Amino acid sequence: MSDLQQTYNYVVTAGTPVMSPTVANAIPPGSYRVDRVEIVIPPGHCGLTGIQLWYGGNAMIPYDSGWISGDDEVYEIDYSEKYPLGAPWQVAMLNNDIWDHHFQVRWEMNFVSVAANAAFQRIGFGDIYLAADNTAA
């Protein structure tokens, strides 16, 4: 079970071209990692609309900068623990239809704990030269 869930409904106006998509804010940066996303494309889109998930202002899903499109479908995306955190998520949308359409995006996130009191050992130039001498031998 996720620590946080958030659902957003987005409207994209008719005639929104691929070169100038509607971009809406979704998840702000924080001490949590997006673990799962569901994109709901309601009936009526007929493949004339598209949606992307952006991370830090760049297209992330689909990774190749394509568009997710369809009609009456739910796309489920599960992320690994190695997925990035720390930048905001956004939703970009296009609409080649003559009617406005909406998407629903459901986000699931888990808090990330930061290791407290990490132990670091301070080294000096002498340590670096000694390490270089040991590897040369």
N, C-alpha and C. Protein backbone atom coordinates (compact mmCIF):
# COMPACT_ATOMS: atom_id res chain seq x y z
N MET A 1 0.84 -1.18 0.00
CA MET A 1 0.00 0.00 0.00
C MET A 1 0.88 1.24 0.00
N SER A 2 0.52 2.20 -0.79
CA SER A 2 1.29 3.43 -0.90
C SER A 2 1.03 4.36 0.27
N ASP A 3 2.03 5.20 0.55
CA ASP A 3 1.89 6.19 1.61
C ASP A 3 0.97 7.34 1.20
N LEU A 4 1.02 7.71 -0.08
CA LEU A 4 0.23 8.84 -0.59
C LEU A 4 -0.42 8.44 -1.91
N GLN A 5 -1.65 8.88 -2.10
CA GLN A 5 -2.33 8.72 -3.38
C GLN A 5 -2.89 10.09 -3.78
N GLN A 6 -2.82 10.38 -5.07
CA GLN A 6 -3.35 11.64 -5.57
C GLN A 6 -3.96 11.39 -6.93
N THR A 7 -5.16 11.92 -7.17
CA THR A 7 -5.83 11.78 -8.45
C THR A 7 -6.09 13.17 -9.01
N TYR A 8 -5.73 13.37 -10.28
CA TYR A 8 -5.96 14.63 -10.96
C TYR A 8 -6.75 14.38 -12.24
N ASN A 9 -7.67 15.29 -12.55
CA ASN A 9 -8.40 15.28 -13.81
C ASN A 9 -7.91 16.46 -14.63
N TYR A 10 -7.51 16.19 -15.86
CA TYR A 10 -6.96 17.22 -16.73
C TYR A 10 -7.83 17.37 -17.97
N VAL A 11 -8.04 18.59 -18.40
CA VAL A 11 -8.78 18.86 -19.62
C VAL A 11 -7.81 19.39 -20.67
N VAL A 12 -7.93 18.87 -21.88
CA VAL A 12 -7.12 19.36 -22.99
C VAL A 12 -8.10 19.85 -24.07
N THR A 13 -7.93 21.10 -24.49
CA THR A 13 -8.86 21.70 -25.43
C THR A 13 -8.65 21.16 -26.84
N ALA A 14 -9.70 21.24 -27.61
CA ALA A 14 -9.67 20.78 -28.99
C ALA A 14 -8.61 21.55 -29.78
N GLY A 15 -7.94 20.85 -30.67
CA GLY A 15 -6.95 21.48 -31.54
C GLY A 15 -5.63 21.79 -30.89
N THR A 16 -5.30 21.13 -29.78
CA THR A 16 -4.00 21.35 -29.13
C THR A 16 -2.95 20.53 -29.88
N PRO A 17 -2.02 21.19 -30.57
CA PRO A 17 -1.07 20.45 -31.42
C PRO A 17 0.09 19.84 -30.65
N VAL A 18 0.76 18.90 -31.29
CA VAL A 18 1.90 18.22 -30.68
C VAL A 18 3.05 19.19 -30.44
N MET A 19 3.18 20.22 -31.26
CA MET A 19 4.28 21.17 -31.11
C MET A 19 4.05 22.15 -29.96
N SER A 20 2.82 22.21 -29.44
CA SER A 20 2.50 23.12 -28.35
C SER A 20 1.50 22.44 -27.41
N PRO A 21 1.92 21.38 -26.73
CA PRO A 21 0.99 20.64 -25.87
C PRO A 21 0.59 21.44 -24.64
N THR A 22 -0.54 21.07 -24.07
CA THR A 22 -0.95 21.61 -22.78
C THR A 22 -0.13 20.91 -21.71
N VAL A 23 0.55 21.67 -20.86
CA VAL A 23 1.37 21.10 -19.79
C VAL A 23 0.78 21.55 -18.46
N ALA A 24 0.50 20.56 -17.60
CA ALA A 24 -0.09 20.84 -16.29
C ALA A 24 0.79 20.25 -15.20
N ASN A 25 0.89 20.96 -14.09
CA ASN A 25 1.66 20.45 -12.95
C ASN A 25 0.93 19.27 -12.32
N ALA A 26 1.71 18.34 -11.78
CA ALA A 26 1.13 17.15 -11.15
C ALA A 26 1.67 16.98 -9.75
N ILE A 27 2.85 16.43 -9.62
CA ILE A 27 3.43 16.09 -8.32
C ILE A 27 4.65 16.98 -8.08
N PRO A 28 4.62 17.81 -7.02
CA PRO A 28 5.79 18.66 -6.73
C PRO A 28 6.93 17.83 -6.16
N PRO A 29 8.15 18.36 -6.18
CA PRO A 29 9.26 17.61 -5.59
C PRO A 29 9.06 17.46 -4.09
N GLY A 30 9.51 16.35 -3.56
CA GLY A 30 9.37 16.11 -2.14
C GLY A 30 10.13 14.89 -1.71
N SER A 31 9.93 14.50 -0.46
CA SER A 31 10.65 13.35 0.09
C SER A 31 9.88 12.06 -0.15
N TYR A 32 9.38 11.89 -1.36
CA TYR A 32 8.65 10.70 -1.73
C TYR A 32 9.01 10.32 -3.15
N ARG A 33 8.79 9.08 -3.46
CA ARG A 33 9.08 8.54 -4.79
C ARG A 33 7.77 8.07 -5.42
N VAL A 34 7.55 8.44 -6.68
CA VAL A 34 6.38 7.95 -7.41
C VAL A 34 6.63 6.48 -7.72
N ASP A 35 5.74 5.62 -7.23
CA ASP A 35 5.89 4.18 -7.42
C ASP A 35 4.95 3.61 -8.48
N ARG A 36 3.82 4.27 -8.67
CA ARG A 36 2.84 3.72 -9.60
C ARG A 36 1.98 4.86 -10.14
N VAL A 37 1.62 4.76 -11.41
CA VAL A 37 0.73 5.74 -12.05
C VAL A 37 -0.27 4.98 -12.90
N GLU A 38 -1.51 5.42 -12.85
CA GLU A 38 -2.55 4.93 -13.76
C GLU A 38 -3.03 6.12 -14.59
N ILE A 39 -3.06 5.93 -15.90
CA ILE A 39 -3.57 6.94 -16.82
C ILE A 39 -4.88 6.41 -17.37
N VAL A 40 -5.97 7.14 -17.12
CA VAL A 40 -7.29 6.73 -17.59
C VAL A 40 -7.64 7.57 -18.81
N ILE A 41 -7.88 6.88 -19.93
CA ILE A 41 -8.33 7.53 -21.16
C ILE A 41 -9.80 7.12 -21.33
N PRO A 42 -10.74 8.03 -21.07
CA PRO A 42 -12.17 7.69 -21.15
C PRO A 42 -12.62 7.40 -22.58
N PRO A 43 -13.80 6.83 -22.73
CA PRO A 43 -14.34 6.61 -24.08
C PRO A 43 -14.52 7.93 -24.82
N GLY A 44 -14.32 7.89 -26.13
CA GLY A 44 -14.52 9.07 -26.97
C GLY A 44 -13.24 9.69 -27.49
N HIS A 45 -12.11 9.31 -26.96
CA HIS A 45 -10.85 9.88 -27.43
C HIS A 45 -10.49 9.38 -28.83
N CYS A 46 -10.85 8.15 -29.13
CA CYS A 46 -10.68 7.55 -30.46
C CYS A 46 -9.24 7.67 -30.99
N GLY A 47 -8.25 7.68 -30.10
CA GLY A 47 -6.86 7.76 -30.51
C GLY A 47 -6.45 9.12 -31.05
N LEU A 48 -7.30 10.14 -30.87
CA LEU A 48 -7.00 11.48 -31.38
C LEU A 48 -6.32 12.37 -30.35
N THR A 49 -6.11 11.86 -29.16
CA THR A 49 -5.45 12.61 -28.10
C THR A 49 -4.19 11.87 -27.68
N GLY A 50 -3.34 12.55 -26.97
CA GLY A 50 -2.12 11.92 -26.47
C GLY A 50 -1.72 12.51 -25.14
N ILE A 51 -1.01 11.73 -24.34
CA ILE A 51 -0.57 12.17 -23.03
C ILE A 51 0.85 11.67 -22.79
N GLN A 52 1.64 12.48 -22.11
CA GLN A 52 2.99 12.13 -21.68
C GLN A 52 3.13 12.50 -20.21
N LEU A 53 3.98 11.78 -19.49
CA LEU A 53 4.35 12.16 -18.14
C LEU A 53 5.74 12.76 -18.21
N TRP A 54 5.89 13.96 -17.68
CA TRP A 54 7.17 14.65 -17.69
C TRP A 54 7.77 14.64 -16.30
N TYR A 55 9.08 14.55 -16.24
CA TYR A 55 9.81 14.61 -14.97
C TYR A 55 10.86 15.70 -15.10
N GLY A 56 10.81 16.69 -14.26
CA GLY A 56 11.78 17.79 -14.31
C GLY A 56 11.73 18.56 -15.61
N GLY A 57 10.55 18.65 -16.26
CA GLY A 57 10.39 19.42 -17.49
C GLY A 57 10.72 18.67 -18.76
N ASN A 58 11.00 17.37 -18.66
CA ASN A 58 11.33 16.57 -19.85
C ASN A 58 10.43 15.34 -19.93
N ALA A 59 10.11 14.93 -21.15
CA ALA A 59 9.29 13.74 -21.35
C ALA A 59 9.98 12.52 -20.75
N MET A 60 9.25 11.79 -19.91
CA MET A 60 9.81 10.60 -19.26
C MET A 60 9.03 9.34 -19.65
N ILE A 61 7.70 9.42 -19.72
CA ILE A 61 6.87 8.29 -20.08
C ILE A 61 5.97 8.73 -21.21
N PRO A 62 5.98 8.16 -22.38
CA PRO A 62 6.96 7.18 -22.83
C PRO A 62 8.34 7.81 -22.97
N TYR A 63 9.35 7.01 -22.72
CA TYR A 63 10.72 7.48 -22.68
C TYR A 63 11.20 8.02 -24.03
N ASP A 64 10.69 7.46 -25.13
CA ASP A 64 11.14 7.87 -26.46
C ASP A 64 10.43 9.14 -26.95
N SER A 65 9.74 9.84 -26.05
CA SER A 65 9.03 11.09 -26.36
C SER A 65 7.83 10.87 -27.28
N GLY A 66 7.34 9.63 -27.37
CA GLY A 66 6.09 9.37 -28.07
C GLY A 66 4.93 9.79 -27.19
N TRP A 67 3.74 9.42 -27.58
CA TRP A 67 2.53 9.80 -26.85
C TRP A 67 1.71 8.55 -26.55
N ILE A 68 1.13 8.50 -25.38
CA ILE A 68 0.20 7.43 -25.03
C ILE A 68 -1.17 7.88 -25.51
N SER A 69 -1.80 7.08 -26.35
CA SER A 69 -3.14 7.42 -26.84
C SER A 69 -3.97 6.15 -26.87
N GLY A 70 -5.26 6.33 -26.99
CA GLY A 70 -6.16 5.19 -27.01
C GLY A 70 -7.59 5.65 -26.85
N ASP A 71 -8.45 4.73 -26.44
CA ASP A 71 -9.85 5.01 -26.26
C ASP A 71 -10.41 4.03 -25.24
N ASP A 72 -10.97 4.54 -24.16
CA ASP A 72 -11.56 3.72 -23.10
C ASP A 72 -10.55 2.69 -22.57
N GLU A 73 -9.38 3.21 -22.15
CA GLU A 73 -8.30 2.34 -21.67
C GLU A 73 -7.70 2.90 -20.39
N VAL A 74 -7.09 2.00 -19.62
CA VAL A 74 -6.35 2.38 -18.42
C VAL A 74 -4.94 1.84 -18.58
N TYR A 75 -3.96 2.73 -18.53
CA TYR A 75 -2.55 2.33 -18.60
C TYR A 75 -1.99 2.33 -17.19
N GLU A 76 -1.39 1.23 -16.80
CA GLU A 76 -0.79 1.11 -15.48
C GLU A 76 0.72 1.08 -15.63
N ILE A 77 1.39 1.94 -14.90
CA ILE A 77 2.85 2.04 -14.97
C ILE A 77 3.40 1.86 -13.57
N ASP A 78 4.20 0.82 -13.38
CA ASP A 78 4.87 0.57 -12.10
C ASP A 78 6.34 0.93 -12.25
N TYR A 79 6.86 1.64 -11.26
CA TYR A 79 8.25 2.09 -11.30
C TYR A 79 9.11 1.24 -10.38
N SER A 80 10.38 1.18 -10.67
CA SER A 80 11.32 0.50 -9.80
C SER A 80 11.81 1.47 -8.73
N GLU A 81 12.49 0.95 -7.73
CA GLU A 81 13.03 1.81 -6.67
C GLU A 81 14.16 2.69 -7.17
N LYS A 82 14.69 2.40 -8.33
CA LYS A 82 15.79 3.19 -8.87
C LYS A 82 15.29 4.40 -9.65
N TYR A 83 13.98 4.59 -9.70
CA TYR A 83 13.43 5.73 -10.44
C TYR A 83 13.79 7.01 -9.71
N PRO A 84 13.98 8.12 -10.43
CA PRO A 84 14.46 9.35 -9.80
C PRO A 84 13.43 9.99 -8.88
N LEU A 85 13.93 10.82 -7.98
CA LEU A 85 13.08 11.66 -7.16
C LEU A 85 13.77 12.99 -6.98
N GLY A 86 13.00 13.99 -6.60
CA GLY A 86 13.59 15.30 -6.35
C GLY A 86 13.19 16.39 -7.30
N ALA A 87 12.56 16.05 -8.43
CA ALA A 87 12.09 17.06 -9.38
C ALA A 87 10.58 16.91 -9.54
N PRO A 88 9.90 17.95 -10.00
CA PRO A 88 8.45 17.85 -10.15
C PRO A 88 8.03 17.01 -11.35
N TRP A 89 6.85 16.40 -11.24
CA TRP A 89 6.22 15.67 -12.33
C TRP A 89 5.16 16.57 -12.97
N GLN A 90 5.03 16.45 -14.28
CA GLN A 90 4.02 17.20 -15.03
C GLN A 90 3.33 16.26 -16.01
N VAL A 91 2.20 16.71 -16.53
CA VAL A 91 1.45 15.98 -17.53
C VAL A 91 1.35 16.86 -18.77
N ALA A 92 1.74 16.32 -19.93
CA ALA A 92 1.61 17.04 -21.20
C ALA A 92 0.56 16.33 -22.04
N MET A 93 -0.29 17.11 -22.73
CA MET A 93 -1.39 16.53 -23.49
C MET A 93 -1.56 17.22 -24.84
N LEU A 94 -1.99 16.45 -25.82
CA LEU A 94 -2.35 17.00 -27.12
C LEU A 94 -3.75 16.53 -27.48
N ASN A 95 -4.40 17.23 -28.40
CA ASN A 95 -5.76 16.88 -28.80
C ASN A 95 -5.98 17.26 -30.25
N ASN A 96 -6.05 16.27 -31.13
CA ASN A 96 -6.28 16.51 -32.55
C ASN A 96 -7.76 16.41 -32.92
N ASP A 97 -8.64 16.35 -31.93
CA ASP A 97 -10.07 16.23 -32.16
C ASP A 97 -10.71 17.62 -32.20
N ILE A 98 -12.00 17.68 -32.55
CA ILE A 98 -12.72 18.96 -32.55
C ILE A 98 -13.45 19.17 -31.23
N TRP A 99 -13.35 18.22 -30.30
CA TRP A 99 -13.98 18.30 -28.98
C TRP A 99 -12.92 18.32 -27.89
N ASP A 100 -13.21 19.02 -26.81
CA ASP A 100 -12.34 18.96 -25.64
C ASP A 100 -12.42 17.56 -25.03
N HIS A 101 -11.33 17.11 -24.44
CA HIS A 101 -11.30 15.80 -23.78
C HIS A 101 -10.62 15.93 -22.43
N HIS A 102 -10.80 14.92 -21.60
CA HIS A 102 -10.11 14.92 -20.31
C HIS A 102 -9.43 13.58 -20.09
N PHE A 103 -8.39 13.64 -19.27
CA PHE A 103 -7.65 12.47 -18.81
C PHE A 103 -7.73 12.45 -17.29
N GLN A 104 -7.64 11.28 -16.72
CA GLN A 104 -7.48 11.17 -15.27
C GLN A 104 -6.16 10.45 -15.02
N VAL A 105 -5.35 11.02 -14.13
CA VAL A 105 -4.06 10.41 -13.79
C VAL A 105 -4.06 10.17 -12.28
N ARG A 106 -3.80 8.92 -11.91
CA ARG A 106 -3.77 8.52 -10.50
C ARG A 106 -2.34 8.21 -10.11
N TRP A 107 -1.83 8.91 -9.12
CA TRP A 107 -0.45 8.80 -8.67
C TRP A 107 -0.38 8.07 -7.33
N GLU A 108 0.57 7.17 -7.17
CA GLU A 108 0.83 6.53 -5.89
C GLU A 108 2.29 6.75 -5.55
N MET A 109 2.54 7.21 -4.31
CA MET A 109 3.89 7.56 -3.89
C MET A 109 4.20 6.96 -2.53
N ASN A 110 5.49 6.73 -2.27
CA ASN A 110 5.96 6.28 -0.97
C ASN A 110 7.04 7.23 -0.48
N PHE A 111 7.02 7.49 0.83
CA PHE A 111 8.03 8.34 1.43
C PHE A 111 9.39 7.66 1.34
N VAL A 112 10.42 8.46 1.15
CA VAL A 112 11.79 7.96 1.08
C VAL A 112 12.52 8.46 2.32
N SER A 113 13.13 7.55 3.05
CA SER A 113 13.89 7.96 4.23
C SER A 113 15.32 8.26 3.82
N VAL A 114 15.85 9.31 4.37
CA VAL A 114 17.22 9.71 4.10
C VAL A 114 18.07 9.19 5.26
N ALA A 115 19.15 8.53 4.93
CA ALA A 115 20.02 7.99 5.99
C ALA A 115 20.52 9.12 6.87
N ALA A 116 20.26 9.01 8.14
CA ALA A 116 20.67 10.04 9.09
C ALA A 116 22.09 9.79 9.57
N ASN A 117 22.80 10.87 9.77
CA ASN A 117 24.15 10.81 10.33
C ASN A 117 25.07 9.88 9.54
N ALA A 118 25.11 10.06 8.26
CA ALA A 118 26.01 9.25 7.45
C ALA A 118 27.44 9.51 7.89
N ALA A 119 28.24 8.46 8.01
CA ALA A 119 29.61 8.58 8.47
C ALA A 119 30.54 8.85 7.28
N PHE A 120 31.20 9.99 7.31
CA PHE A 120 32.16 10.34 6.28
C PHE A 120 33.52 10.50 6.94
N GLN A 121 34.55 10.06 6.25
CA GLN A 121 35.90 10.23 6.77
C GLN A 121 36.61 11.25 5.90
N ARG A 122 37.13 12.27 6.53
CA ARG A 122 37.82 13.33 5.81
C ARG A 122 39.20 12.82 5.39
N ILE A 123 39.55 13.04 4.11
CA ILE A 123 40.87 12.63 3.64
C ILE A 123 41.60 13.86 3.12
N GLY A 124 42.91 13.77 3.09
CA GLY A 124 43.73 14.86 2.60
C GLY A 124 44.50 14.44 1.36
N PHE A 125 45.32 15.37 0.84
CA PHE A 125 46.10 15.09 -0.36
C PHE A 125 47.07 13.92 -0.13
N GLY A 126 47.62 13.84 1.08
CA GLY A 126 48.54 12.75 1.38
C GLY A 126 47.88 11.39 1.22
N ASP A 127 46.60 11.27 1.62
CA ASP A 127 45.87 10.02 1.46
C ASP A 127 45.66 9.67 -0.01
N ILE A 128 45.42 10.69 -0.82
CA ILE A 128 45.20 10.46 -2.25
C ILE A 128 46.49 10.00 -2.91
N TYR A 129 47.63 10.66 -2.57
CA TYR A 129 48.92 10.24 -3.14
C TYR A 129 49.28 8.83 -2.68
N LEU A 130 48.99 8.51 -1.42
CA LEU A 130 49.29 7.18 -0.91
C LEU A 130 48.48 6.13 -1.63
N ALA A 131 47.18 6.42 -1.89
CA ALA A 131 46.33 5.49 -2.61
C ALA A 131 46.83 5.29 -4.03
N ALA A 132 47.29 6.37 -4.68
CA ALA A 132 47.80 6.27 -6.05
C ALA A 132 49.09 5.43 -6.07
N ASP A 133 49.94 5.61 -5.06
CA ASP A 133 51.17 4.82 -5.00
C ASP A 133 50.86 3.34 -4.80
N ASN A 134 49.86 3.01 -4.00
CA ASN A 134 49.51 1.62 -3.75
C ASN A 134 48.94 0.94 -4.99
N THR A 135 48.23 1.68 -5.83
CA THR A 135 47.66 1.06 -7.03
C THR A 135 48.71 0.92 -8.12
N ALA A 136 49.76 1.74 -8.08
CA ALA A 136 50.81 1.65 -9.09
C ALA A 136 51.74 0.47 -8.84
N ALA A 137 51.76 -0.01 -7.64
CA ALA A 137 52.69 -1.10 -7.28
C ALA A 137 52.25 -2.44 -7.78
